[in-house]
Amino acid sequence: MKAPLLVLSALALAVLSGCGGETPTVEIVSASPAQLLASDDAKDDLTILVKYADPDGDLGQGVASIHDCRAEGVVTRLPIPRIANDEAVLQGVAIEGELTLTVADVGSVTPSSSVPGVCADLGVSAPKDGAQAFCVVLTDAAGNESEGACTEAIAILP
């Protein structure tokens, strides 16, 4: 009788220890401006404020990938600065906060006939009236990727 109980206890402990995971999460707080002008260098930068959480503290020195949902392969990759110190990362201390991501010089892009895979997986549909979402995926220093989150549609004028 003791052996099955021990196996059950070990199994329950394994399930509980896996609940936190190492995968960061991301949520869009805001994106601005609501309209970009691709031909004007003063009006073609998109700023996205995201809220993040990382259960093991190694999000810093990872990468934020911002997918332009107008076409496949149009991705801006921004390095994430160090957030937690080395000791906190070694101890796996959970962190959360906000990051401001800037996509500089959003240009004119010929829209794809279909929504790029990452964007479609996150529920983004075809562009409407020239406006389209941008989706953010965070990858921590160990290579763990967040689910991703998308902005509301942003109008991009030529």
C-alpha atoms as a PDB file:
ATOM      1  CA  MET A   1       0.000   0.000   0.000  1.00  0.00           C
ATOM      2  CA  LYS A   2       2.792   2.446   0.760  1.00  0.00           C
ATOM      3  CA  ALA A   3       4.372   2.196  -2.726  1.00  0.00           C
ATOM      4  CA  PRO A   4       1.279   3.368  -4.672  1.00  0.00           C
ATOM      5  CA  LEU A   5       0.791   6.222  -2.207  1.00  0.00           C
ATOM      6  CA  LEU A   6       4.421   7.281  -2.638  1.00  0.00           C
ATOM      7  CA  VAL A   7       4.138   7.179  -6.442  1.00  0.00           C
ATOM      8  CA  LEU A   8       0.935   9.212  -6.270  1.00  0.00           C
ATOM      9  CA  SER A   9       2.613  11.779  -4.016  1.00  0.00           C
ATOM     10  CA  ALA A  10       5.616  12.069  -6.332  1.00  0.00           C
ATOM     11  CA  LEU A  11       3.301  12.438  -9.319  1.00  0.00           C
ATOM     12  CA  ALA A  12       1.311  15.182  -7.585  1.00  0.00           C
ATOM     13  CA  LEU A  13       4.534  16.983  -6.642  1.00  0.00           C
ATOM     14  CA  ALA A  14       5.758  16.830 -10.251  1.00  0.00           C
ATOM     15  CA  VAL A  15       2.485  18.296 -11.517  1.00  0.00           C
ATOM     16  CA  LEU A  16       2.537  21.094  -8.923  1.00  0.00           C
ATOM     17  CA  SER A  17       6.160  22.012  -9.627  1.00  0.00           C
ATOM     18  CA  GLY A  18       5.344  22.356 -13.324  1.00  0.00           C
ATOM     19  CA  CYS A  19       2.469  24.768 -12.744  1.00  0.00           C
ATOM     20  CA  GLY A  20       4.588  27.939 -12.652  1.00  0.00           C
ATOM     21  CA  GLY A  21       6.583  27.151 -15.769  1.00  0.00           C
ATOM     22  CA  GLU A  22       9.381  29.254 -17.185  1.00  0.00           C
ATOM     23  CA  THR A  23       7.424  30.935 -19.959  1.00  0.00           C
ATOM     24  CA  PRO A  24       7.014  34.711 -19.816  1.00  0.00           C
ATOM     25  CA  THR A  25       3.648  36.331 -20.453  1.00  0.00           C
ATOM     26  CA  VAL A  26       2.850  39.568 -22.268  1.00  0.00           C
ATOM     27  CA  GLU A  27      -0.184  41.842 -22.366  1.00  0.00           C
ATOM     28  CA  ILE A  28      -0.653  44.980 -24.466  1.00  0.00           C
ATOM     29  CA  VAL A  29      -1.368  48.007 -22.275  1.00  0.00           C
ATOM     30  CA  SER A  30      -1.446  50.600 -25.074  1.00  0.00           C
ATOM     31  CA  ALA A  31      -0.219  51.417 -28.568  1.00  0.00           C
ATOM     32  CA  SER A  32       0.211  54.871 -30.014  1.00  0.00           C
ATOM     33  CA  PRO A  33      -0.383  56.656 -32.184  1.00  0.00           C
ATOM     34  CA  ALA A  34      -3.556  55.102 -33.632  1.00  0.00           C
ATOM     35  CA  GLN A  35      -2.479  56.283 -37.102  1.00  0.00           C
ATOM     36  CA  LEU A  36       0.974  56.296 -38.698  1.00  0.00           C
ATOM     37  CA  LEU A  37       2.128  58.210 -41.773  1.00  0.00           C
ATOM     38  CA  ALA A  38       4.746  56.048 -43.512  1.00  0.00           C
ATOM     39  CA  SER A  39       6.057  58.918 -45.661  1.00  0.00           C
ATOM     40  CA  ASP A  40       6.724  61.246 -42.701  1.00  0.00           C
ATOM     41  CA  ASP A  41       9.710  60.357 -40.507  1.00  0.00           C
ATOM     42  CA  ALA A  42       8.190  62.332 -37.624  1.00  0.00           C
ATOM     43  CA  LYS A  43       4.943  60.316 -37.775  1.00  0.00           C
ATOM     44  CA  ASP A  44       6.019  56.750 -38.611  1.00  0.00           C
ATOM     45  CA  ASP A  45       7.093  55.370 -35.208  1.00  0.00           C
ATOM     46  CA  LEU A  46       4.816  53.079 -33.207  1.00  0.00           C
ATOM     47  CA  THR A  47       5.153  52.861 -29.423  1.00  0.00           C
ATOM     48  CA  ILE A  48       3.724  49.804 -27.680  1.00  0.00           C
ATOM     49  CA  LEU A  49       3.528  49.589 -23.889  1.00  0.00           C
ATOM     50  CA  VAL A  50       3.396  45.997 -22.656  1.00  0.00           C
ATOM     51  CA  LYS A  51       2.978  44.418 -19.262  1.00  0.00           C
ATOM     52  CA  TYR A  52       5.105  41.314 -18.692  1.00  0.00           C
ATOM     53  CA  ALA A  53       5.527  38.604 -16.100  1.00  0.00           C
ATOM     54  CA  ASP A  54       8.334  36.073 -15.991  1.00  0.00           C
ATOM     55  CA  PRO A  55       8.255  33.318 -13.385  1.00  0.00           C
ATOM     56  CA  ASP A  56      12.026  32.731 -13.360  1.00  0.00           C
ATOM     57  CA  GLY A  57      13.421  36.246 -13.872  1.00  0.00           C
ATOM     58  CA  ASP A  58      15.397  35.712 -17.071  1.00  0.00           C
ATOM     59  CA  LEU A  59      13.330  37.869 -19.445  1.00  0.00           C
ATOM     60  CA  GLY A  60      16.083  40.495 -19.471  1.00  0.00           C
ATOM     61  CA  GLN A  61      18.592  39.956 -22.265  1.00  0.00           C
ATOM     62  CA  GLY A  62      15.894  38.197 -24.255  1.00  0.00           C
ATOM     63  CA  VAL A  63      14.124  39.597 -27.319  1.00  0.00           C
ATOM     64  CA  ALA A  64      10.822  41.322 -28.040  1.00  0.00           C
ATOM     65  CA  SER A  65       9.558  40.406 -31.521  1.00  0.00           C
ATOM     66  CA  ILE A  66       6.943  42.761 -32.953  1.00  0.00           C
ATOM     67  CA  HIS A  67       5.130  41.240 -35.923  1.00  0.00           C
ATOM     68  CA  ASP A  68       3.612  43.632 -38.468  1.00  0.00           C
ATOM     69  CA  CYS A  69       0.464  41.698 -39.361  1.00  0.00           C
ATOM     70  CA  ARG A  70       0.236  43.227 -42.841  1.00  0.00           C
ATOM     71  CA  ALA A  71       2.757  40.780 -44.318  1.00  0.00           C
ATOM     72  CA  GLU A  72       4.683  37.618 -43.464  1.00  0.00           C
ATOM     73  CA  GLY A  73       8.240  38.177 -42.275  1.00  0.00           C
ATOM     74  CA  VAL A  74       7.908  41.865 -41.363  1.00  0.00           C
ATOM     75  CA  VAL A  75       9.236  41.606 -37.821  1.00  0.00           C
ATOM     76  CA  THR A  76      11.080  44.091 -35.628  1.00  0.00           C
ATOM     77  CA  ARG A  77      13.306  42.422 -33.043  1.00  0.00           C
ATOM     78  CA  LEU A  78      14.304  44.517 -30.042  1.00  0.00           C
ATOM     79  CA  PRO A  79      16.755  43.374 -27.366  1.00  0.00           C
ATOM     80  CA  ILE A  80      15.272  43.425 -23.869  1.00  0.00           C
ATOM     81  CA  PRO A  81      17.608  45.110 -21.393  1.00  0.00           C
ATOM     82  CA  ARG A  82      18.726  43.418 -18.193  1.00  0.00           C
ATOM     83  CA  ILE A  83      15.838  43.483 -15.708  1.00  0.00           C
ATOM     84  CA  ALA A  84      16.833  41.276 -12.773  1.00  0.00           C
ATOM     85  CA  ASN A  85      20.372  41.022 -11.389  1.00  0.00           C
ATOM     86  CA  ASP A  86      22.420  37.828 -11.863  1.00  0.00           C
ATOM     87  CA  GLU A  87      21.635  36.544  -8.375  1.00  0.00           C
ATOM     88  CA  ALA A  88      17.869  36.913  -8.880  1.00  0.00           C
ATOM     89  CA  VAL A  89      18.082  35.124 -12.234  1.00  0.00           C
ATOM     90  CA  LEU A  90      20.124  32.277 -10.685  1.00  0.00           C
ATOM     91  CA  GLN A  91      17.518  31.952  -7.919  1.00  0.00           C
ATOM     92  CA  GLY A  92      14.656  32.072 -10.441  1.00  0.00           C
ATOM     93  CA  VAL A  93      12.960  35.062  -8.807  1.00  0.00           C
ATOM     94  CA  ALA A  94       9.667  35.948 -10.503  1.00  0.00           C
ATOM     95  CA  ILE A  95       9.520  39.424 -12.049  1.00  0.00           C
ATOM     96  CA  GLU A  96       6.813  41.569 -13.574  1.00  0.00           C
ATOM     97  CA  GLY A  97       6.594  45.090 -14.919  1.00  0.00           C
ATOM     98  CA  GLU A  98       6.159  47.129 -18.073  1.00  0.00           C
ATOM     99  CA  LEU A  99       8.291  47.631 -21.165  1.00  0.00           C
ATOM    100  CA  THR A 100       7.991  50.360 -23.772  1.00  0.00           C
ATOM    101  CA  LEU A 101       8.735  49.001 -27.248  1.00  0.00           C
ATOM    102  CA  THR A 102       9.253  51.345 -30.191  1.00  0.00           C
ATOM    103  CA  VAL A 103       8.953  50.200 -33.790  1.00  0.00           C
ATOM    104  CA  ALA A 104      10.833  52.925 -35.638  1.00  0.00           C
ATOM    105  CA  ASP A 105      10.114  53.867 -39.234  1.00  0.00           C
ATOM    106  CA  VAL A 106       7.047  51.758 -39.983  1.00  0.00           C
ATOM    107  CA  GLY A 107       6.913  51.876 -43.762  1.00  0.00           C
ATOM    108  CA  SER A 108       4.556  51.031 -46.551  1.00  0.00           C
ATOM    109  CA  VAL A 109       4.193  47.287 -47.020  1.00  0.00           C
ATOM    110  CA  THR A 110       2.295  45.381 -49.667  1.00  0.00           C
ATOM    111  CA  PRO A 111      -0.190  43.368 -47.610  1.00  0.00           C
ATOM    112  CA  SER A 112      -0.035  39.581 -47.924  1.00  0.00           C
ATOM    113  CA  SER A 113      -3.017  37.746 -49.317  1.00  0.00           C
ATOM    114  CA  SER A 114      -3.356  36.078 -45.912  1.00  0.00           C
ATOM    115  CA  VAL A 115      -2.566  37.155 -42.365  1.00  0.00           C
ATOM    116  CA  PRO A 116       0.902  35.977 -41.232  1.00  0.00           C
ATOM    117  CA  GLY A 117       0.892  32.781 -39.163  1.00  0.00           C
ATOM    118  CA  VAL A 118       1.849  34.290 -35.794  1.00  0.00           C
ATOM    119  CA  CYS A 119      -0.836  36.963 -36.166  1.00  0.00           C
ATOM    120  CA  ALA A 120      -3.504  34.516 -37.340  1.00  0.00           C
ATOM    121  CA  ASP A 121      -2.716  32.202 -34.412  1.00  0.00           C
ATOM    122  CA  LEU A 122      -3.391  35.153 -32.091  1.00  0.00           C
ATOM    123  CA  GLY A 123      -6.776  35.888 -33.681  1.00  0.00           C
ATOM    124  CA  VAL A 124      -5.861  38.739 -36.038  1.00  0.00           C
ATOM    125  CA  SER A 125      -8.001  38.887 -39.185  1.00  0.00           C
ATOM    126  CA  ALA A 126      -7.392  40.535 -42.565  1.00  0.00           C
ATOM    127  CA  PRO A 127      -6.617  44.281 -42.643  1.00  0.00           C
ATOM    128  CA  LYS A 128      -9.642  46.536 -42.555  1.00  0.00           C
ATOM    129  CA  ASP A 129      -9.582  49.937 -44.266  1.00  0.00           C
ATOM    130  CA  GLY A 130      -5.773  49.882 -44.360  1.00  0.00           C
ATOM    131  CA  ALA A 131      -5.470  49.285 -40.625  1.00  0.00           C
ATOM    132  CA  GLN A 132      -3.811  46.247 -39.090  1.00  0.00           C
ATOM    133  CA  ALA A 133      -2.614  44.977 -35.729  1.00  0.00           C
ATOM    134  CA  PHE A 134       0.938  44.443 -34.520  1.00  0.00           C
ATOM    135  CA  CYS A 135       1.627  41.385 -32.343  1.00  0.00           C
ATOM    136  CA  VAL A 136       4.296  41.132 -29.642  1.00  0.00           C
ATOM    137  CA  VAL A 137       6.028  37.925 -28.579  1.00  0.00           C
ATOM    138  CA  LEU A 138       8.601  37.991 -25.771  1.00  0.00           C
ATOM    139  CA  THR A 139      11.451  35.484 -25.688  1.00  0.00           C
ATOM    140  CA  ASP A 140      13.494  35.174 -22.503  1.00  0.00           C
ATOM    141  CA  ALA A 141      17.256  34.579 -22.306  1.00  0.00           C
ATOM    142  CA  ALA A 142      16.673  30.790 -22.188  1.00  0.00           C
ATOM    143  CA  GLY A 143      14.587  30.837 -25.393  1.00  0.00           C
ATOM    144  CA  ASN A 144      11.141  30.447 -23.783  1.00  0.00           C
ATOM    145  CA  GLU A 145       8.503  32.325 -25.810  1.00  0.00           C
ATOM    146  CA  SER A 146       5.381  34.013 -24.510  1.00  0.00           C
ATOM    147  CA  GLU A 147       1.998  33.332 -26.091  1.00  0.00           C
ATOM    148  CA  GLY A 148       1.916  36.781 -27.674  1.00  0.00           C
ATOM    149  CA  ALA A 149      -0.501  39.694 -27.616  1.00  0.00           C
ATOM    150  CA  CYS A 150      -1.744  42.061 -30.314  1.00  0.00           C
ATOM    151  CA  THR A 151      -2.583  45.733 -30.541  1.00  0.00           C
ATOM    152  CA  GLU A 152      -5.834  47.085 -31.857  1.00  0.00           C
ATOM    153  CA  ALA A 153      -5.668  47.872 -35.590  1.00  0.00           C
ATOM    154  CA  ILE A 154      -3.296  50.727 -36.399  1.00  0.00           C
ATOM    155  CA  ALA A 155      -3.999  52.802 -39.524  1.00  0.00           C
ATOM    156  CA  ILE A 156      -0.916  53.143 -41.715  1.00  0.00           C
ATOM    157  CA  LEU A 157      -1.191  55.797 -44.401  1.00  0.00           C
ATOM    158  CA  PRO A 158       1.285  56.006 -47.307  1.00  0.00           C
END
